[in-house]
Amino acid sequence: MHHITLLGRPGCHLCEDAREVIARVADELGVTWEEIDIDSSGELRDKYGEMIPVTLVDGVQHDFWRVSEDRLRAALA
């Protein structure tokens, strides 16, 4: 079973867009997902600070800045 992680931060408009796409796709496909604030970890902030939102599928970076619904669905198929 797949798992999606959204790395972002509060107040990020691109993160809000990504959250909507991820929630919709995850719900339709029965996939679990979580959201992590990159500011909760210095390591995450240093690695992804200018790339948010970042989408991980099964712990592997899948997208950043924008989430393509088609690409996400393909990765989860």
C-alpha atoms as a PDB file:
ATOM      1  CA  MET A   1       0.000   0.000   0.000  1.00  0.00           C
ATOM      2  CA  HIS A   2       1.287   3.458  -0.911  1.00  0.00           C
ATOM      3  CA  HIS A   3       1.684   6.466   1.364  1.00  0.00           C
ATOM      4  CA  ILE A   4       1.902  10.143   0.393  1.00  0.00           C
ATOM      5  CA  THR A   5       3.717  12.795   2.411  1.00  0.00           C
ATOM      6  CA  LEU A   6       3.214  16.493   1.774  1.00  0.00           C
ATOM      7  CA  LEU A   7       6.022  18.720   3.036  1.00  0.00           C
ATOM      8  CA  GLY A   8       4.977  22.336   3.360  1.00  0.00           C
ATOM      9  CA  ARG A   9       4.338  25.161   5.776  1.00  0.00           C
ATOM     10  CA  PRO A  10       1.327  27.111   6.995  1.00  0.00           C
ATOM     11  CA  GLY A  11       0.328  30.076   4.846  1.00  0.00           C
ATOM     12  CA  CYS A  12       1.859  28.663   1.658  1.00  0.00           C
ATOM     13  CA  HIS A  13      -0.687  29.035  -1.161  1.00  0.00           C
ATOM     14  CA  LEU A  14       0.984  26.356  -3.292  1.00  0.00           C
ATOM     15  CA  CYS A  15       0.816  24.009  -0.294  1.00  0.00           C
ATOM     16  CA  GLU A  16      -2.929  24.620  -0.065  1.00  0.00           C
ATOM     17  CA  ASP A  17      -3.321  23.721  -3.750  1.00  0.00           C
ATOM     18  CA  ALA A  18      -1.186  20.590  -3.285  1.00  0.00           C
ATOM     19  CA  ARG A  19      -3.192  19.570  -0.207  1.00  0.00           C
ATOM     20  CA  GLU A  20      -6.442  19.693  -2.208  1.00  0.00           C
ATOM     21  CA  VAL A  21      -5.053  17.517  -5.016  1.00  0.00           C
ATOM     22  CA  ILE A  22      -3.450  15.020  -2.640  1.00  0.00           C
ATOM     23  CA  ALA A  23      -6.531  14.734  -0.439  1.00  0.00           C
ATOM     24  CA  ARG A  24      -8.777  14.155  -3.458  1.00  0.00           C
ATOM     25  CA  VAL A  25      -6.533  11.529  -5.074  1.00  0.00           C
ATOM     26  CA  ALA A  26      -5.747   9.772  -1.779  1.00  0.00           C
ATOM     27  CA  ASP A  27      -9.432   9.596  -0.868  1.00  0.00           C
ATOM     28  CA  GLU A  28     -10.435   8.241  -4.273  1.00  0.00           C
ATOM     29  CA  LEU A  29      -7.665   5.622  -4.291  1.00  0.00           C
ATOM     30  CA  GLY A  30      -7.781   4.721  -0.600  1.00  0.00           C
ATOM     31  CA  VAL A  31      -4.189   5.842  -0.012  1.00  0.00           C
ATOM     32  CA  THR A  32      -2.973   7.206   3.320  1.00  0.00           C
ATOM     33  CA  TRP A  33      -1.302  10.591   3.481  1.00  0.00           C
ATOM     34  CA  GLU A  34       0.166  13.014   5.966  1.00  0.00           C
ATOM     35  CA  GLU A  35       1.333  16.594   5.995  1.00  0.00           C
ATOM     36  CA  ILE A  36       4.545  17.693   7.691  1.00  0.00           C
ATOM     37  CA  ASP A  37       5.520  21.296   8.393  1.00  0.00           C
ATOM     38  CA  ILE A  38       9.123  21.599   7.172  1.00  0.00           C
ATOM     39  CA  ASP A  39       9.769  24.189   9.859  1.00  0.00           C
ATOM     40  CA  SER A  40       9.368  21.420  12.455  1.00  0.00           C
ATOM     41  CA  SER A  41      12.754  20.032  11.434  1.00  0.00           C
ATOM     42  CA  GLY A  42      15.961  21.886  10.648  1.00  0.00           C
ATOM     43  CA  GLU A  43      16.978  19.037   8.357  1.00  0.00           C
ATOM     44  CA  LEU A  44      13.753  19.253   6.314  1.00  0.00           C
ATOM     45  CA  ARG A  45      13.923  23.061   6.219  1.00  0.00           C
ATOM     46  CA  ASP A  46      17.531  22.984   4.992  1.00  0.00           C
ATOM     47  CA  LYS A  47      16.819  20.336   2.357  1.00  0.00           C
ATOM     48  CA  TYR A  48      13.447  21.528   1.015  1.00  0.00           C
ATOM     49  CA  GLY A  49      13.039  25.136   2.200  1.00  0.00           C
ATOM     50  CA  GLU A  50      12.729  26.748  -1.239  1.00  0.00           C
ATOM     51  CA  MET A  51      11.040  23.802  -2.952  1.00  0.00           C
ATOM     52  CA  ILE A  52       7.768  23.569  -1.053  1.00  0.00           C
ATOM     53  CA  PRO A  53       5.407  22.028  -1.403  1.00  0.00           C
ATOM     54  CA  VAL A  54       7.246  18.752  -1.851  1.00  0.00           C
ATOM     55  CA  THR A  55       5.354  15.519  -2.422  1.00  0.00           C
ATOM     56  CA  LEU A  56       6.863  12.194  -1.407  1.00  0.00           C
ATOM     57  CA  VAL A  57       5.389   8.884  -2.487  1.00  0.00           C
ATOM     58  CA  ASP A  58       6.508   6.033  -0.272  1.00  0.00           C
ATOM     59  CA  GLY A  59       9.294   8.255   1.084  1.00  0.00           C
ATOM     60  CA  VAL A  60      10.716   9.143  -2.341  1.00  0.00           C
ATOM     61  CA  GLN A  61      10.488  12.685  -3.727  1.00  0.00           C
ATOM     62  CA  HIS A  62       7.851  12.765  -6.433  1.00  0.00           C
ATOM     63  CA  ASP A  63       7.047  16.444  -7.128  1.00  0.00           C
ATOM     64  CA  PHE A  64       7.802  19.910  -5.859  1.00  0.00           C
ATOM     65  CA  TRP A  65       6.160  23.347  -6.233  1.00  0.00           C
ATOM     66  CA  ARG A  66       3.115  21.970  -8.052  1.00  0.00           C
ATOM     67  CA  VAL A  67       1.383  18.616  -7.740  1.00  0.00           C
ATOM     68  CA  SER A  68       0.277  17.088 -11.016  1.00  0.00           C
ATOM     69  CA  GLU A  69      -2.846  15.066 -10.357  1.00  0.00           C
ATOM     70  CA  ASP A  70      -2.169  12.859 -13.390  1.00  0.00           C
ATOM     71  CA  ARG A  71       1.436  12.153 -12.350  1.00  0.00           C
ATOM     72  CA  LEU A  72       0.367  11.417  -8.786  1.00  0.00           C
ATOM     73  CA  ARG A  73      -2.327   8.989  -9.938  1.00  0.00           C
ATOM     74  CA  ALA A  74       0.184   7.242 -12.230  1.00  0.00           C
ATOM     75  CA  ALA A  75       2.689   6.888  -9.385  1.00  0.00           C
ATOM     76  CA  LEU A  76       0.029   5.279  -7.210  1.00  0.00           C
ATOM     77  CA  ALA A  77      -1.301   2.893  -9.876  1.00  0.00           C
END
